[in-house]
Amino acid sequence: MIRWINALLVLLFVGSAGFGYWGIFTQSGRAAYDEMAGIIPFWSICVSLITVSLIVIINMTRYIRKIRSGNGTNS
């Protein structure tokens, strides 16, 4: 189940980061989202940052649980 959630979060991250980058850093994106409409790609970048934070938190908690249970690769 967690692997599916990770996969979906990664897809959300790639999509929102790609859209945000296109909307803010390319000329065609800036032309499509001018003035106040430019906040849409900005919030897309914010969503991608939140998503990557969730990915890190989920995977770190999985790793810590694995180490504590004795199934990790700690020496």
N, C-alpha and C. Protein backbone atom coordinates (compact mmCIF):
# COMPACT_ATOMS: atom_id res chain seq x y z
N MET A 1 0.82 -1.19 0.00
CA MET A 1 0.00 0.00 0.00
C MET A 1 0.86 1.26 0.00
N ILE A 2 1.90 1.27 0.85
CA ILE A 2 2.77 2.44 0.94
C ILE A 2 3.50 2.67 -0.38
N ARG A 3 3.85 1.61 -1.07
CA ARG A 3 4.54 1.78 -2.36
C ARG A 3 3.65 2.49 -3.37
N TRP A 4 2.35 2.19 -3.36
CA TRP A 4 1.43 2.87 -4.26
C TRP A 4 1.29 4.34 -3.89
N ILE A 5 1.25 4.60 -2.61
CA ILE A 5 1.16 5.99 -2.15
C ILE A 5 2.43 6.75 -2.56
N ASN A 6 3.59 6.11 -2.38
CA ASN A 6 4.84 6.74 -2.81
C ASN A 6 4.84 7.01 -4.30
N ALA A 7 4.39 6.04 -5.07
CA ALA A 7 4.36 6.22 -6.53
C ALA A 7 3.43 7.36 -6.93
N LEU A 8 2.27 7.43 -6.30
CA LEU A 8 1.34 8.52 -6.61
C LEU A 8 1.89 9.87 -6.18
N LEU A 9 2.55 9.92 -5.03
CA LEU A 9 3.14 11.17 -4.58
C LEU A 9 4.28 11.61 -5.50
N VAL A 10 5.06 10.67 -5.98
CA VAL A 10 6.13 11.02 -6.92
C VAL A 10 5.55 11.55 -8.22
N LEU A 11 4.49 10.93 -8.71
CA LEU A 11 3.85 11.43 -9.93
C LEU A 11 3.27 12.83 -9.71
N LEU A 12 2.66 13.06 -8.55
CA LEU A 12 2.15 14.39 -8.23
C LEU A 12 3.28 15.40 -8.16
N PHE A 13 4.39 15.01 -7.55
CA PHE A 13 5.54 15.90 -7.46
C PHE A 13 6.08 16.26 -8.84
N VAL A 14 6.27 15.26 -9.68
CA VAL A 14 6.83 15.51 -11.02
C VAL A 14 5.89 16.40 -11.83
N GLY A 15 4.60 16.11 -11.77
CA GLY A 15 3.64 16.90 -12.53
C GLY A 15 3.55 18.34 -12.06
N SER A 16 3.44 18.52 -10.75
CA SER A 16 3.30 19.89 -10.24
C SER A 16 4.60 20.68 -10.36
N ALA A 17 5.73 20.04 -10.16
CA ALA A 17 7.01 20.74 -10.32
C ALA A 17 7.24 21.10 -11.79
N GLY A 18 6.91 20.17 -12.68
CA GLY A 18 7.06 20.46 -14.10
C GLY A 18 6.17 21.60 -14.56
N PHE A 19 4.93 21.57 -14.13
CA PHE A 19 4.00 22.64 -14.49
C PHE A 19 4.44 23.97 -13.90
N GLY A 20 4.86 23.96 -12.65
CA GLY A 20 5.32 25.19 -12.01
C GLY A 20 6.55 25.76 -12.68
N TYR A 21 7.48 24.87 -13.03
CA TYR A 21 8.69 25.33 -13.73
C TYR A 21 8.32 25.94 -15.08
N TRP A 22 7.46 25.25 -15.81
CA TRP A 22 7.04 25.77 -17.11
C TRP A 22 6.34 27.12 -16.96
N GLY A 23 5.47 27.23 -15.99
CA GLY A 23 4.69 28.45 -15.83
C GLY A 23 5.49 29.65 -15.35
N ILE A 24 6.58 29.39 -14.61
CA ILE A 24 7.35 30.49 -14.05
C ILE A 24 8.61 30.80 -14.86
N PHE A 25 9.29 29.77 -15.33
CA PHE A 25 10.63 29.98 -15.89
C PHE A 25 10.71 29.92 -17.41
N THR A 26 9.63 29.68 -18.11
CA THR A 26 9.70 29.70 -19.57
C THR A 26 8.90 30.88 -20.11
N GLN A 27 9.29 31.32 -21.28
CA GLN A 27 8.61 32.47 -21.86
C GLN A 27 7.17 32.15 -22.23
N SER A 28 6.93 30.96 -22.77
CA SER A 28 5.55 30.60 -23.13
C SER A 28 4.68 30.43 -21.89
N GLY A 29 5.26 29.94 -20.80
CA GLY A 29 4.51 29.81 -19.56
C GLY A 29 4.16 31.16 -18.96
N ARG A 30 5.13 32.07 -19.00
CA ARG A 30 4.86 33.41 -18.48
C ARG A 30 3.83 34.13 -19.34
N ALA A 31 3.82 33.86 -20.64
CA ALA A 31 2.83 34.49 -21.52
C ALA A 31 1.44 33.91 -21.25
N ALA A 32 1.38 32.61 -20.94
CA ALA A 32 0.08 31.98 -20.68
C ALA A 32 -0.48 32.39 -19.32
N TYR A 33 0.41 32.60 -18.35
CA TYR A 33 -0.01 32.96 -16.99
C TYR A 33 0.61 34.30 -16.62
N ASP A 34 0.05 35.37 -17.14
CA ASP A 34 0.57 36.69 -16.83
C ASP A 34 -0.18 37.30 -15.65
N GLU A 35 0.44 38.26 -15.03
CA GLU A 35 -0.09 39.03 -13.90
C GLU A 35 -0.62 38.12 -12.79
N MET A 36 -1.86 38.27 -12.39
CA MET A 36 -2.38 37.51 -11.24
C MET A 36 -2.56 36.03 -11.55
N ALA A 37 -2.70 35.67 -12.80
CA ALA A 37 -2.81 34.25 -13.14
C ALA A 37 -1.49 33.52 -12.89
N GLY A 38 -0.40 34.27 -12.74
CA GLY A 38 0.90 33.67 -12.47
C GLY A 38 0.99 33.02 -11.10
N ILE A 39 -0.02 33.24 -10.26
CA ILE A 39 -0.01 32.62 -8.95
C ILE A 39 -0.32 31.11 -9.06
N ILE A 40 -0.95 30.69 -10.14
CA ILE A 40 -1.25 29.26 -10.33
C ILE A 40 0.02 28.43 -10.41
N PRO A 41 1.00 28.79 -11.27
CA PRO A 41 2.25 28.01 -11.25
C PRO A 41 3.02 28.13 -9.94
N PHE A 42 2.91 29.29 -9.29
CA PHE A 42 3.57 29.46 -8.00
C PHE A 42 3.03 28.46 -6.98
N TRP A 43 1.71 28.33 -6.89
CA TRP A 43 1.12 27.38 -5.95
C TRP A 43 1.41 25.94 -6.36
N SER A 44 1.60 25.72 -7.64
CA SER A 44 1.99 24.39 -8.10
C SER A 44 3.37 24.02 -7.56
N ILE A 45 4.28 24.99 -7.55
CA ILE A 45 5.60 24.76 -6.95
C ILE A 45 5.46 24.48 -5.45
N CYS A 46 4.59 25.21 -4.78
CA CYS A 46 4.36 24.98 -3.35
C CYS A 46 3.83 23.57 -3.09
N VAL A 47 2.90 23.13 -3.93
CA VAL A 47 2.36 21.76 -3.79
C VAL A 47 3.47 20.74 -4.00
N SER A 48 4.35 20.99 -4.95
CA SER A 48 5.44 20.04 -5.19
C SER A 48 6.39 19.98 -4.00
N LEU A 49 6.64 21.10 -3.34
CA LEU A 49 7.51 21.10 -2.15
C LEU A 49 6.85 20.35 -0.99
N ILE A 50 5.56 20.54 -0.81
CA ILE A 50 4.84 19.79 0.23
C ILE A 50 4.85 18.30 -0.08
N THR A 51 4.68 17.97 -1.35
CA THR A 51 4.67 16.56 -1.76
C THR A 51 6.02 15.90 -1.53
N VAL A 52 7.10 16.58 -1.88
CA VAL A 52 8.41 15.98 -1.67
C VAL A 52 8.71 15.87 -0.17
N SER A 53 8.19 16.77 0.64
CA SER A 53 8.33 16.64 2.08
C SER A 53 7.60 15.41 2.60
N LEU A 54 6.40 15.17 2.10
CA LEU A 54 5.66 13.97 2.49
C LEU A 54 6.39 12.70 2.08
N ILE A 55 6.97 12.70 0.89
CA ILE A 55 7.71 11.52 0.42
C ILE A 55 8.88 11.24 1.36
N VAL A 56 9.62 12.28 1.73
CA VAL A 56 10.76 12.10 2.63
C VAL A 56 10.30 11.61 4.01
N ILE A 57 9.25 12.19 4.54
CA ILE A 57 8.76 11.78 5.86
C ILE A 57 8.30 10.34 5.85
N ILE A 58 7.54 9.95 4.84
CA ILE A 58 7.05 8.56 4.77
C ILE A 58 8.20 7.59 4.68
N ASN A 59 9.17 7.87 3.82
CA ASN A 59 10.27 6.93 3.64
C ASN A 59 11.22 6.90 4.84
N MET A 60 11.41 8.04 5.50
CA MET A 60 12.26 8.03 6.69
C MET A 60 11.60 7.26 7.83
N THR A 61 10.28 7.42 8.01
CA THR A 61 9.62 6.66 9.06
C THR A 61 9.65 5.16 8.76
N ARG A 62 9.50 4.79 7.49
CA ARG A 62 9.62 3.37 7.13
C ARG A 62 11.01 2.84 7.43
N TYR A 63 12.03 3.64 7.11
CA TYR A 63 13.41 3.23 7.34
C TYR A 63 13.71 3.11 8.84
N ILE A 64 13.25 4.06 9.63
CA ILE A 64 13.48 4.03 11.07
C ILE A 64 12.77 2.82 11.70
N ARG A 65 11.55 2.55 11.28
CA ARG A 65 10.85 1.37 11.80
C ARG A 65 11.57 0.09 11.43
N LYS A 66 12.12 0.05 10.23
CA LYS A 66 12.85 -1.14 9.78
C LYS A 66 14.12 -1.33 10.62
N ILE A 67 14.82 -0.26 10.91
CA ILE A 67 16.03 -0.34 11.73
C ILE A 67 15.69 -0.78 13.15
N ARG A 68 14.64 -0.20 13.73
CA ARG A 68 14.26 -0.53 15.11
C ARG A 68 13.77 -1.97 15.25
N SER A 69 13.18 -2.49 14.19
CA SER A 69 12.68 -3.87 14.28
C SER A 69 13.79 -4.90 14.10
N GLY A 70 14.99 -4.45 13.71
CA GLY A 70 16.11 -5.38 13.55
C GLY A 70 16.25 -5.92 12.16
N ASN A 71 15.44 -5.47 11.21
CA ASN A 71 15.53 -5.96 9.85
C ASN A 71 16.36 -5.04 8.95
N GLY A 72 16.95 -4.02 9.52
CA GLY A 72 17.72 -3.06 8.74
C GLY A 72 19.12 -3.54 8.48
N THR A 73 19.88 -2.71 7.83
CA THR A 73 21.25 -3.07 7.47
C THR A 73 22.24 -2.31 8.33
N ASN A 74 21.92 -2.15 9.63
CA ASN A 74 22.85 -1.45 10.51
C ASN A 74 23.92 -2.41 11.00
N SER A 75 25.13 -1.91 11.13
CA SER A 75 26.25 -2.77 11.55
C SER A 75 26.62 -2.49 12.98
